[in-house]
Each structure stands twice: as C-alpha cells, then as structure tokens.
C-alpha cells in the first residue's frame, strides 16, 4: 500500500533530531534468500540515517513452506557484519522448532 522509499525517507526526516527514538526492524532470515553478505550490505544501506535496531529472526520451518532457516553460524556472521558497520543488532536464534513449538508454528 505504501512506497518503501517514501516510508524510509519519512523516518529519516522525522527522526533526525529525536535521539531517544529508535525504529525496530524485524528481519526474518531465509536460507539462500536474504542471508548473504550482499543482503547485509543492502540492509545497511536501507537503514542508513534511521536511528534503529535490527532484530534478526530465525525462520521457523513448517510443512508446506518453500523456505528454510539460515544456519545459526551464518546468522551470527550476518549479525557481526551489521554490528561492525555500526548497526545495533539483536539476534534471536530459534528454540523449540524441533518440537513444532517455535514462534509461528502450531505443533501436532
């Protein structure tokens, strides 16, 4: 519905002088889709100038989904790359997915 460039530009403009505010970007990592170092560079460029935190979330697989989770080691490497570029990064590794009890899963 809304243009991403317009949204990001508005965030940059409105939060420019509000140092107490941070936007939380939720980034679900999908193996082979958005977890490369090139993707990390694009994410850094995307949030440039926006006071923010980036929450890296492991994808929780479920039947019928074509996506796979990024391996923990690669998520840590991705996080470290973002942090080295000056980003504030939170990393949420998955728990409970072996029992279909992770976030976004409904076990049987």
PDB file of N, CA and C in Angstrom:
ATOM      1  N   UNK A   1       0.825  -1.190   0.000  1.00  0.00           N
ATOM      2  CA  UNK A   1       0.000   0.000   0.000  1.00  0.00           C
ATOM      3  C   UNK A   1       0.872   1.258   0.000  1.00  0.00           C
ATOM      4  N   UNK A   2       1.967   1.238   0.781  1.00  0.00           N
ATOM      5  CA  UNK A   2       2.839   2.412   0.872  1.00  0.00           C
ATOM      6  C   UNK A   2       4.171   2.123   0.198  1.00  0.00           C
ATOM      7  N   UNK A   3       4.757   3.127  -0.385  1.00  0.00           N
ATOM      8  CA  UNK A   3       6.041   3.033  -1.049  1.00  0.00           C
ATOM      9  C   UNK A   3       7.146   2.949   0.006  1.00  0.00           C
ATOM     10  N   UNK A   4       8.016   1.949  -0.104  1.00  0.00           N
ATOM     11  CA  UNK A   4       9.072   1.747   0.885  1.00  0.00           C
ATOM     12  C   UNK A   4      10.038   2.928   0.932  1.00  0.00           C
ATOM     13  N   UNK A   5      10.405   3.463  -0.216  1.00  0.00           N
ATOM     14  CA  UNK A   5      11.310   4.620  -0.231  1.00  0.00           C
ATOM     15  C   UNK A   5      10.688   5.818   0.480  1.00  0.00           C
ATOM     16  N   UNK A   6       9.385   6.022   0.279  1.00  0.00           N
ATOM     17  CA  UNK A   6       8.680   7.118   0.948  1.00  0.00           C
ATOM     18  C   UNK A   6       8.672   6.896   2.462  1.00  0.00           C
ATOM     19  N   UNK A   7       8.397   5.665   2.879  1.00  0.00           N
ATOM     20  CA  UNK A   7       8.375   5.341   4.306  1.00  0.00           C
ATOM     21  C   UNK A   7       9.744   5.580   4.942  1.00  0.00           C
ATOM     22  N   UNK A   8      10.795   5.058   4.319  1.00  0.00           N
ATOM     23  CA  UNK A   8      12.139   5.214   4.880  1.00  0.00           C
ATOM     24  C   UNK A   8      12.568   6.678   4.887  1.00  0.00           C
ATOM     25  N   UNK A   9      12.236   7.408   3.840  1.00  0.00           N
ATOM     26  CA  UNK A   9      12.546   8.838   3.794  1.00  0.00           C
ATOM     27  C   UNK A   9      11.841   9.608   4.892  1.00  0.00           C
ATOM     28  N   UNK A  10      10.596   9.252   5.143  1.00  0.00           N
ATOM     29  CA  UNK A  10       9.836   9.904   6.216  1.00  0.00           C
ATOM     30  C   UNK A  10      10.461   9.607   7.572  1.00  0.00           C
ATOM     31  N   UNK A  11      10.885   8.363   7.793  1.00  0.00           N
ATOM     32  CA  UNK A  11      11.547   8.008   9.051  1.00  0.00           C
ATOM     33  C   UNK A  11      12.830   8.814   9.229  1.00  0.00           C
ATOM     34  N   UNK A  12      13.623   8.914   8.178  1.00  0.00           N
ATOM     35  CA  UNK A  12      14.865   9.695   8.258  1.00  0.00           C
ATOM     36  C   UNK A  12      14.568  11.151   8.615  1.00  0.00           C
ATOM     37  N   UNK A  13      13.566  11.710   7.967  1.00  0.00           N
ATOM     38  CA  UNK A  13      13.224  13.118   8.183  1.00  0.00           C
ATOM     39  C   UNK A  13      12.662  13.359   9.584  1.00  0.00           C
ATOM     40  N   UNK A  14      11.709  12.556   9.987  1.00  0.00           N
ATOM     41  CA  UNK A  14      11.002  12.802  11.246  1.00  0.00           C
ATOM     42  C   UNK A  14      11.834  12.449  12.474  1.00  0.00           C
ATOM     43  N   UNK A  15      12.742  11.484  12.336  1.00  0.00           N
ATOM     44  CA  UNK A  15      13.522  11.041  13.495  1.00  0.00           C
ATOM     45  C   UNK A  15      14.917  11.655  13.532  1.00  0.00           C
ATOM     46  N   UNK A  16      15.198  12.548  12.621  1.00  0.00           N
ATOM     47  CA  UNK A  16      16.531  13.138  12.502  1.00  0.00           C
ATOM     48  C   UNK A  16      17.018  13.758  13.809  1.00  0.00           C
ATOM     49  N   UNK A  17      16.147  14.408  14.539  1.00  0.00           N
ATOM     50  CA  UNK A  17      16.549  15.109  15.762  1.00  0.00           C
ATOM     51  C   UNK A  17      15.959  14.484  17.022  1.00  0.00           C
ATOM     52  N   UNK A  18      15.370  13.329  16.906  1.00  0.00           N
ATOM     53  CA  UNK A  18      14.764  12.659  18.060  1.00  0.00           C
ATOM     54  C   UNK A  18      15.669  11.496  18.460  1.00  0.00           C
ATOM     55  N   UNK A  19      16.663  11.805  19.249  1.00  0.00           N
ATOM     56  CA  UNK A  19      17.689  10.815  19.581  1.00  0.00           C
ATOM     57  C   UNK A  19      17.206   9.745  20.555  1.00  0.00           C
ATOM     58  N   UNK A  20      16.065   9.953  21.178  1.00  0.00           N
ATOM     59  CA  UNK A  20      15.534   8.956  22.108  1.00  0.00           C
ATOM     60  C   UNK A  20      14.701   7.895  21.399  1.00  0.00           C
ATOM     61  N   UNK A  21      14.398   8.109  20.130  1.00  0.00           N
ATOM     62  CA  UNK A  21      13.545   7.188  19.390  1.00  0.00           C
ATOM     63  C   UNK A  21      14.382   6.276  18.511  1.00  0.00           C
ATOM     64  N   UNK A  22      13.977   5.009  18.452  1.00  0.00           N
ATOM     65  CA  UNK A  22      14.603   4.060  17.533  1.00  0.00           C
ATOM     66  C   UNK A  22      13.504   3.219  16.903  1.00  0.00           C
ATOM     67  N   UNK A  23      13.650   2.982  15.629  1.00  0.00           N
ATOM     68  CA  UNK A  23      12.742   2.111  14.903  1.00  0.00           C
ATOM     69  C   UNK A  23      13.278   0.689  15.034  1.00  0.00           C
ATOM     70  N   UNK A  24      12.392  -0.275  15.259  1.00  0.00           N
ATOM     71  CA  UNK A  24      12.801  -1.677  15.323  1.00  0.00           C
ATOM     72  C   UNK A  24      12.436  -2.340  13.996  1.00  0.00           C
ATOM     73  N   UNK A  25      13.462  -2.768  13.272  1.00  0.00           N
ATOM     74  CA  UNK A  25      13.249  -3.503  12.032  1.00  0.00           C
ATOM     75  C   UNK A  25      13.345  -4.993  12.338  1.00  0.00           C
ATOM     76  N   UNK A  26      12.308  -5.735  11.990  1.00  0.00           N
ATOM     77  CA  UNK A  26      12.281  -7.190  12.163  1.00  0.00           C
ATOM     78  C   UNK A  26      12.721  -7.817  10.839  1.00  0.00           C
ATOM     79  N   UNK A  27      13.775  -8.623  10.866  1.00  0.00           N
ATOM     80  CA  UNK A  27      14.348  -9.189   9.646  1.00  0.00           C
ATOM     81  C   UNK A  27      14.392 -10.705   9.795  1.00  0.00           C
ATOM     82  N   UNK A  28      13.444 -11.393   9.154  1.00  0.00           N
ATOM     83  CA  UNK A  28      13.400 -12.855   9.205  1.00  0.00           C
ATOM     84  C   UNK A  28      14.374 -13.388   8.166  1.00  0.00           C
ATOM     85  N   UNK A  29      15.326 -14.170   8.619  1.00  0.00           N
ATOM     86  CA  UNK A  29      16.373 -14.670   7.731  1.00  0.00           C
ATOM     87  C   UNK A  29      15.958 -15.994   7.095  1.00  0.00           C
ATOM     88  N   UNK A  30      16.043 -16.030   5.764  1.00  0.00           N
ATOM     89  CA  UNK A  30      15.662 -17.194   4.977  1.00  0.00           C
ATOM     90  C   UNK A  30      16.894 -17.698   4.233  1.00  0.00           C
ATOM     91  N   UNK A  31      17.234 -18.961   4.435  1.00  0.00           N
ATOM     92  CA  UNK A  31      18.435 -19.538   3.820  1.00  0.00           C
ATOM     93  C   UNK A  31      18.403 -19.378   2.305  1.00  0.00           C
ATOM     94  N   UNK A  32      19.474 -18.776   1.772  1.00  0.00           N
ATOM     95  CA  UNK A  32      19.612 -18.619   0.337  1.00  0.00           C
ATOM     96  C   UNK A  32      18.736 -17.545  -0.284  1.00  0.00           C
ATOM     97  N   UNK A  33      17.957 -16.845   0.525  1.00  0.00           N
ATOM     98  CA  UNK A  33      17.049 -15.816   0.009  1.00  0.00           C
ATOM     99  C   UNK A  33      17.528 -14.423   0.398  1.00  0.00           C
ATOM    100  N   UNK A  34      17.802 -14.226   1.703  1.00  0.00           N
ATOM    101  CA  UNK A  34      18.183 -12.887   2.178  1.00  0.00           C
ATOM    102  C   UNK A  34      19.250 -12.939   3.266  1.00  0.00           C
ATOM    103  N   UNK A  35      20.151 -13.921   3.180  1.00  0.00           N
ATOM    104  CA  UNK A  35      21.135 -14.099   4.251  1.00  0.00           C
ATOM    105  C   UNK A  35      22.593 -13.990   3.796  1.00  0.00           C
ATOM    106  N   UNK A  36      22.822 -13.434   2.620  1.00  0.00           N
ATOM    107  CA  UNK A  36      24.201 -13.285   2.134  1.00  0.00           C
ATOM    108  C   UNK A  36      24.813 -11.984   2.657  1.00  0.00           C
ATOM    109  N   UNK A  37      26.113 -11.847   2.493  1.00  0.00           N
ATOM    110  CA  UNK A  37      26.770 -10.599   2.892  1.00  0.00           C
ATOM    111  C   UNK A  37      26.319  -9.446   1.990  1.00  0.00           C
ATOM    112  N   UNK A  38      25.973  -9.740   0.750  1.00  0.00           N
ATOM    113  CA  UNK A  38      25.404  -8.703  -0.128  1.00  0.00           C
ATOM    114  C   UNK A  38      24.065  -8.220   0.427  1.00  0.00           C
ATOM    115  N   UNK A  39      23.271  -9.156   0.951  1.00  0.00           N
ATOM    116  CA  UNK A  39      21.999  -8.773   1.578  1.00  0.00           C
ATOM    117  C   UNK A  39      22.254  -7.910   2.808  1.00  0.00           C
ATOM    118  N   UNK A  40      23.289  -8.250   3.564  1.00  0.00           N
ATOM    119  CA  UNK A  40      23.637  -7.448   4.745  1.00  0.00           C
ATOM    120  C   UNK A  40      24.030  -6.029   4.329  1.00  0.00           C
ATOM    121  N   UNK A  41      24.809  -5.917   3.257  1.00  0.00           N
ATOM    122  CA  UNK A  41      25.199  -4.586   2.763  1.00  0.00           C
ATOM    123  C   UNK A  41      23.979  -3.786   2.328  1.00  0.00           C
ATOM    124  N   UNK A  42      23.041  -4.453   1.643  1.00  0.00           N
ATOM    125  CA  UNK A  42      21.818  -3.760   1.213  1.00  0.00           C
ATOM    126  C   UNK A  42      20.988  -3.317   2.411  1.00  0.00           C
ATOM    127  N   UNK A  43      20.945  -4.141   3.451  1.00  0.00           N
ATOM    128  CA  UNK A  43      20.207  -3.779   4.660  1.00  0.00           C
ATOM    129  C   UNK A  43      20.840  -2.562   5.332  1.00  0.00           C
ATOM    130  N   UNK A  44      22.156  -2.534   5.390  1.00  0.00           N
ATOM    131  CA  UNK A  44      22.865  -1.374   5.958  1.00  0.00           C
ATOM    132  C   UNK A  44      22.516  -0.113   5.176  1.00  0.00           C
ATOM    133  N   UNK A  45      22.546  -0.210   3.864  1.00  0.00           N
ATOM    134  CA  UNK A  45      22.194   0.946   3.023  1.00  0.00           C
ATOM    135  C   UNK A  45      20.744   1.365   3.235  1.00  0.00           C
ATOM    136  N   UNK A  46      19.868   0.388   3.380  1.00  0.00           N
ATOM    137  CA  UNK A  46      18.439   0.656   3.541  1.00  0.00           C
ATOM    138  C   UNK A  46      18.140   1.456   4.799  1.00  0.00           C
ATOM    139  N   UNK A  47      18.827   1.141   5.895  1.00  0.00           N
ATOM    140  CA  UNK A  47      18.533   1.802   7.175  1.00  0.00           C
ATOM    141  C   UNK A  47      19.452   2.989   7.453  1.00  0.00           C
ATOM    142  N   UNK A  48      20.334   3.292   6.506  1.00  0.00           N
ATOM    143  CA  UNK A  48      21.263   4.420   6.672  1.00  0.00           C
ATOM    144  C   UNK A  48      20.504   5.691   7.049  1.00  0.00           C
ATOM    145  N   UNK A  49      20.933   6.331   8.132  1.00  0.00           N
ATOM    146  CA  UNK A  49      20.328   7.594   8.551  1.00  0.00           C
ATOM    147  C   UNK A  49      19.071   7.456   9.381  1.00  0.00           C
ATOM    148  N   UNK A  50      18.664   6.220   9.686  1.00  0.00           N
ATOM    149  CA  UNK A  50      17.481   5.988  10.517  1.00  0.00           C
ATOM    150  C   UNK A  50      17.954   5.439  11.862  1.00  0.00           C
ATOM    151  N   UNK A  51      17.658   6.127  12.970  1.00  0.00           N
ATOM    152  CA  UNK A  51      18.021   5.558  14.270  1.00  0.00           C
ATOM    153  C   UNK A  51      17.204   4.285  14.485  1.00  0.00           C
ATOM    154  N   UNK A  52      17.912   3.159  14.591  1.00  0.00           N
ATOM    155  CA  UNK A  52      17.156   1.900  14.623  1.00  0.00           C
ATOM    156  C   UNK A  52      17.911   0.784  15.327  1.00  0.00           C
ATOM    157  N   UNK A  53      17.151  -0.264  15.582  1.00  0.00           N
ATOM    158  CA  UNK A  53      17.678  -1.558  15.993  1.00  0.00           C
ATOM    159  C   UNK A  53      17.191  -2.547  14.942  1.00  0.00           C
ATOM    160  N   UNK A  54      18.015  -3.523  14.646  1.00  0.00           N
ATOM    161  CA  UNK A  54      17.634  -4.567  13.698  1.00  0.00           C
ATOM    162  C   UNK A  54      17.551  -5.876  14.471  1.00  0.00           C
ATOM    163  N   UNK A  55      16.388  -6.500  14.426  1.00  0.00           N
ATOM    164  CA  UNK A  55      16.164  -7.766  15.104  1.00  0.00           C
ATOM    165  C   UNK A  55      16.235  -8.877  14.061  1.00  0.00           C
ATOM    166  N   UNK A  56      17.290  -9.678  14.110  1.00  0.00           N
ATOM    167  CA  UNK A  56      17.444 -10.801  13.188  1.00  0.00           C
ATOM    168  C   UNK A  56      16.716 -12.005  13.765  1.00  0.00           C
ATOM    169  N   UNK A  57      15.794 -12.547  13.000  1.00  0.00           N
ATOM    170  CA  UNK A  57      14.940 -13.633  13.478  1.00  0.00           C
ATOM    171  C   UNK A  57      15.160 -14.866  12.614  1.00  0.00           C
ATOM    172  N   UNK A  58      15.340 -15.986  13.260  1.00  0.00           N
ATOM    173  CA  UNK A  58      15.472 -17.250  12.548  1.00  0.00           C
ATOM    174  C   UNK A  58      14.091 -17.707  12.071  1.00  0.00           C
ATOM    175  N   UNK A  59      14.005 -18.102  10.811  1.00  0.00           N
ATOM    176  CA  UNK A  59      12.753 -18.620  10.266  1.00  0.00           C
ATOM    177  C   UNK A  59      12.469 -19.977  10.885  1.00  0.00           C
ATOM    178  N   UNK A  60      11.240 -20.191  11.302  1.00  0.00           N
ATOM    179  CA  UNK A  60      10.829 -21.474  11.859  1.00  0.00           C
ATOM    180  C   UNK A  60      10.085 -22.256  10.783  1.00  0.00           C
ATOM    181  N   UNK A  61      10.708 -23.330  10.277  1.00  0.00           N
ATOM    182  CA  UNK A  61      10.117 -24.073   9.163  1.00  0.00           C
ATOM    183  C   UNK A  61       8.828 -24.779   9.564  1.00  0.00           C
ATOM    184  N   UNK A  62       7.978 -24.981   8.574  1.00  0.00           N
ATOM    185  CA  UNK A  62       6.728 -25.704   8.785  1.00  0.00           C
ATOM    186  C   UNK A  62       6.344 -26.381   7.474  1.00  0.00           C
ATOM    187  N   UNK A  63       5.497 -27.366   7.574  1.00  0.00           N
ATOM    188  CA  UNK A  63       5.080 -28.114   6.388  1.00  0.00           C
ATOM    189  C   UNK A  63       4.466 -27.184   5.352  1.00  0.00           C
ATOM    190  N   UNK A  64       4.850 -27.397   4.118  1.00  0.00           N
ATOM    191  CA  UNK A  64       4.295 -26.623   3.021  1.00  0.00           C
ATOM    192  C   UNK A  64       5.067 -25.361   2.690  1.00  0.00           C
ATOM    193  N   UNK A  65       6.021 -24.988   3.518  1.00  0.00           N
ATOM    194  CA  UNK A  65       6.790 -23.772   3.244  1.00  0.00           C
ATOM    195  C   UNK A  65       7.981 -24.099   2.347  1.00  0.00           C
ATOM    196  N   UNK A  66       8.216 -23.268   1.337  1.00  0.00           N
ATOM    197  CA  UNK A  66       9.381 -23.499   0.483  1.00  0.00           C
ATOM    198  C   UNK A  66      10.677 -22.974   1.107  1.00  0.00           C
ATOM    199  N   UNK A  67      10.585 -22.279   2.236  1.00  0.00           N
ATOM    200  CA  UNK A  67      11.746 -21.636   2.840  1.00  0.00           C
ATOM    201  C   UNK A  67      12.402 -22.511   3.895  1.00  0.00           C
ATOM    202  N   UNK A  68      13.697 -22.286   4.075  1.00  0.00           N
ATOM    203  CA  UNK A  68      14.496 -22.985   5.089  1.00  0.00           C
ATOM    204  C   UNK A  68      15.148 -21.945   5.984  1.00  0.00           C
ATOM    205  N   UNK A  69      15.416 -22.308   7.241  1.00  0.00           N
ATOM    206  CA  UNK A  69      16.079 -21.353   8.135  1.00  0.00           C
ATOM    207  C   UNK A  69      17.565 -21.219   7.813  1.00  0.00           C
ATOM    208  N   UNK A  70      18.085 -20.042   8.063  1.00  0.00           N
ATOM    209  CA  UNK A  70      19.521 -19.797   7.955  1.00  0.00           C
ATOM    210  C   UNK A  70      20.211 -20.486   9.126  1.00  0.00           C
ATOM    211  N   UNK A  71      21.345 -21.090   8.880  1.00  0.00           N
ATOM    212  CA  UNK A  71      22.093 -21.751   9.961  1.00  0.00           C
ATOM    213  C   UNK A  71      22.565 -20.713  10.975  1.00  0.00           C
ATOM    214  N   UNK A  72      22.612 -21.134  12.249  1.00  0.00           N
ATOM    215  CA  UNK A  72      22.988 -20.225  13.339  1.00  0.00           C
ATOM    216  C   UNK A  72      24.327 -19.537  13.078  1.00  0.00           C
ATOM    217  N   UNK A  73      25.319 -20.298  12.580  1.00  0.00           N
ATOM    218  CA  UNK A  73      26.644 -19.729  12.344  1.00  0.00           C
ATOM    219  C   UNK A  73      26.576 -18.585  11.326  1.00  0.00           C
ATOM    220  N   UNK A  74      25.763 -18.765  10.305  1.00  0.00           N
ATOM    221  CA  UNK A  74      25.636 -17.730   9.279  1.00  0.00           C
ATOM    222  C   UNK A  74      24.887 -16.520   9.833  1.00  0.00           C
ATOM    223  N   UNK A  75      23.906 -16.763  10.711  1.00  0.00           N
ATOM    224  CA  UNK A  75      23.189 -15.647  11.341  1.00  0.00           C
ATOM    225  C   UNK A  75      24.136 -14.829  12.214  1.00  0.00           C
ATOM    226  N   UNK A  76      25.020 -15.505  12.925  1.00  0.00           N
ATOM    227  CA  UNK A  76      25.991 -14.812  13.775  1.00  0.00           C
ATOM    228  C   UNK A  76      26.952 -13.995  12.910  1.00  0.00           C
ATOM    229  N   UNK A  77      27.406 -14.563  11.801  1.00  0.00           N
ATOM    230  CA  UNK A  77      28.280 -13.840  10.872  1.00  0.00           C
ATOM    231  C   UNK A  77      27.560 -12.601  10.315  1.00  0.00           C
ATOM    232  N   UNK A  78      26.297 -12.747   9.961  1.00  0.00           N
ATOM    233  CA  UNK A  78      25.480 -11.645   9.441  1.00  0.00           C
ATOM    234  C   UNK A  78      25.354 -10.555  10.503  1.00  0.00           C
ATOM    235  N   UNK A  79      25.058 -10.969  11.731  1.00  0.00           N
ATOM    236  CA  UNK A  79      24.946 -10.021  12.852  1.00  0.00           C
ATOM    237  C   UNK A  79      26.248  -9.270  13.070  1.00  0.00           C
ATOM    238  N   UNK A  80      27.348  -9.999  13.080  1.00  0.00           N
ATOM    239  CA  UNK A  80      28.651  -9.374  13.309  1.00  0.00           C
ATOM    240  C   UNK A  80      28.996  -8.368  12.213  1.00  0.00           C
ATOM    241  N   UNK A  81      28.630  -8.680  10.987  1.00  0.00           N
ATOM    242  CA  UNK A  81      28.870  -7.770   9.864  1.00  0.00           C
ATOM    243  C   UNK A  81      28.085  -6.473  10.057  1.00  0.00           C
ATOM    244  N   UNK A  82      26.800  -6.599  10.418  1.00  0.00           N
ATOM    245  CA  UNK A  82      25.973  -5.411  10.660  1.00  0.00           C
ATOM    246  C   UNK A  82      26.522  -4.597  11.828  1.00  0.00           C
ATOM    247  N   UNK A  83      26.896  -5.279  12.901  1.00  0.00           N
ATOM    248  CA  UNK A  83      27.413  -4.588  14.088  1.00  0.00           C
ATOM    249  C   UNK A  83      28.714  -3.854  13.764  1.00  0.00           C
ATOM    250  N   UNK A  84      29.579  -4.473  12.967  1.00  0.00           N
ATOM    251  CA  UNK A  84      30.844  -3.831  12.586  1.00  0.00           C
ATOM    252  C   UNK A  84      30.603  -2.565  11.762  1.00  0.00           C
ATOM    253  N   UNK A  85      29.451  -2.507  11.098  1.00  0.00           N
ATOM    254  CA  UNK A  85      29.091  -1.323  10.306  1.00  0.00           C
ATOM    255  C   UNK A  85      28.399  -0.263  11.160  1.00  0.00           C
ATOM    256  N   UNK A  86      28.265  -0.538  12.467  1.00  0.00           N
ATOM    257  CA  UNK A  86      27.682   0.450  13.370  1.00  0.00           C
ATOM    258  C   UNK A  86      26.213   0.262  13.671  1.00  0.00           C
ATOM    259  N   UNK A  87      25.621  -0.815  13.183  1.00  0.00           N
ATOM    260  CA  UNK A  87      24.200  -1.075  13.448  1.00  0.00           C
ATOM    261  C   UNK A  87      24.021  -1.682  14.842  1.00  0.00           C
ATOM    262  N   UNK A  88      22.914  -1.339  15.477  1.00  0.00           N
ATOM    263  CA  UNK A  88      22.516  -2.008  16.710  1.00  0.00           C
ATOM    264  C   UNK A  88      21.705  -3.225  16.295  1.00  0.00           C
ATOM    265  N   UNK A  89      22.166  -4.413  16.700  1.00  0.00           N
ATOM    266  CA  UNK A  89      21.564  -5.647  16.204  1.00  0.00           C
ATOM    267  C   UNK A  89      21.216  -6.574  17.359  1.00  0.00           C
ATOM    268  N   UNK A  90      20.019  -7.121  17.303  1.00  0.00           N
ATOM    269  CA  UNK A  90      19.588  -8.161  18.228  1.00  0.00           C
ATOM    270  C   UNK A  90      19.498  -9.449  17.423  1.00  0.00           C
ATOM    271  N   UNK A  91      19.876 -10.564  18.027  1.00  0.00           N
ATOM    272  CA  UNK A  91      19.842 -11.849  17.329  1.00  0.00           C
ATOM    273  C   UNK A  91      18.982 -12.814  18.116  1.00  0.00           C
ATOM    274  N   UNK A  92      17.938 -13.297  17.474  1.00  0.00           N
ATOM    275  CA  UNK A  92      17.055 -14.269  18.115  1.00  0.00           C
ATOM    276  C   UNK A  92      17.185 -15.598  17.389  1.00  0.00           C
ATOM    277  N   UNK A  93      17.932 -16.503  17.988  1.00  0.00           N
ATOM    278  CA  UNK A  93      18.050 -17.839  17.420  1.00  0.00           C
ATOM    279  C   UNK A  93      16.829 -18.643  17.843  1.00  0.00           C
ATOM    280  N   UNK A  94      16.440 -19.571  16.996  1.00  0.00           N
ATOM    281  CA  UNK A  94      15.211 -20.325  17.226  1.00  0.00           C
ATOM    282  C   UNK A  94      15.372 -21.333  18.355  1.00  0.00           C
ATOM    283  N   UNK A  95      14.279 -21.496  19.095  1.00  0.00           N
ATOM    284  CA  UNK A  95      14.210 -22.545  20.113  1.00  0.00           C
ATOM    285  C   UNK A  95      12.837 -23.189  20.004  1.00  0.00           C
ATOM    286  N   UNK A  96      12.784 -24.480  20.205  1.00  0.00           N
ATOM    287  CA  UNK A  96      11.512 -25.185  20.198  1.00  0.00           C
ATOM    288  C   UNK A  96      11.066 -25.667  18.836  1.00  0.00           C
ATOM    289  N   UNK A  97      11.852 -25.371  17.782  1.00  0.00           N
ATOM    290  CA  UNK A  97      11.412 -25.769  16.448  1.00  0.00           C
ATOM    291  C   UNK A  97      11.482 -27.278  16.238  1.00  0.00           C
ATOM    292  N   UNK A  98      12.298 -27.971  17.034  1.00  0.00           N
ATOM    293  CA  UNK A  98      12.382 -29.420  16.915  1.00  0.00           C
ATOM    294  C   UNK A  98      11.107 -30.103  17.389  1.00  0.00           C
ATOM    295  N   UNK A  99      10.269 -29.380  18.132  1.00  0.00           N
ATOM    296  CA  UNK A  99       9.007 -29.924  18.638  1.00  0.00           C
ATOM    297  C   UNK A  99       7.809 -29.196  18.037  1.00  0.00           C
ATOM    298  N   UNK A 100       8.046 -28.447  16.943  1.00  0.00           N
ATOM    299  CA  UNK A 100       6.999 -27.629  16.318  1.00  0.00           C
ATOM    300  C   UNK A 100       6.376 -26.684  17.339  1.00  0.00           C
ATOM    301  N   UNK A 101       7.217 -26.160  18.245  1.00  0.00           N
ATOM    302  CA  UNK A 101       6.731 -25.273  19.308  1.00  0.00           C
ATOM    303  C   UNK A 101       7.388 -23.900  19.251  1.00  0.00           C
ATOM    304  N   UNK A 102       8.031 -23.585  18.136  1.00  0.00           N
ATOM    305  CA  UNK A 102       8.677 -22.280  17.994  1.00  0.00           C
ATOM    306  C   UNK A 102       7.658 -21.246  17.533  1.00  0.00           C
ATOM    307  N   UNK A 103       8.061 -19.989  17.590  1.00  0.00           N
ATOM    308  CA  UNK A 103       7.192 -18.896  17.172  1.00  0.00           C
ATOM    309  C   UNK A 103       6.713 -19.112  15.741  1.00  0.00           C
ATOM    310  N   UNK A 104       5.421 -18.989  15.521  1.00  0.00           N
ATOM    311  CA  UNK A 104       4.849 -19.149  14.194  1.00  0.00           C
ATOM    312  C   UNK A 104       4.539 -20.585  13.824  1.00  0.00           C
ATOM    313  N   UNK A 105       4.772 -21.517  14.735  1.00  0.00           N
ATOM    314  CA  UNK A 105       4.479 -22.918  14.473  1.00  0.00           C
ATOM    315  C   UNK A 105       3.315 -23.363  15.351  1.00  0.00           C
ATOM    316  N   UNK A 106       2.568 -24.303  14.845  1.00  0.00           N
ATOM    317  CA  UNK A 106       1.494 -24.900  15.626  1.00  0.00           C
ATOM    318  C   UNK A 106       1.722 -26.397  15.614  1.00  0.00           C
ATOM    319  N   UNK A 107       2.233 -26.931  16.732  1.00  0.00           N
ATOM    320  CA  UNK A 107       2.591 -28.340  16.798  1.00  0.00           C
ATOM    321  C   UNK A 107       1.389 -29.255  16.810  1.00  0.00           C
ATOM    322  N   UNK A 108       1.649 -30.493  16.469  1.00  0.00           N
ATOM    323  CA  UNK A 108       0.598 -31.522  16.492  1.00  0.00           C
ATOM    324  C   UNK A 108       0.965 -32.581  17.491  1.00  0.00           C
TER     325      UNK A 108
END
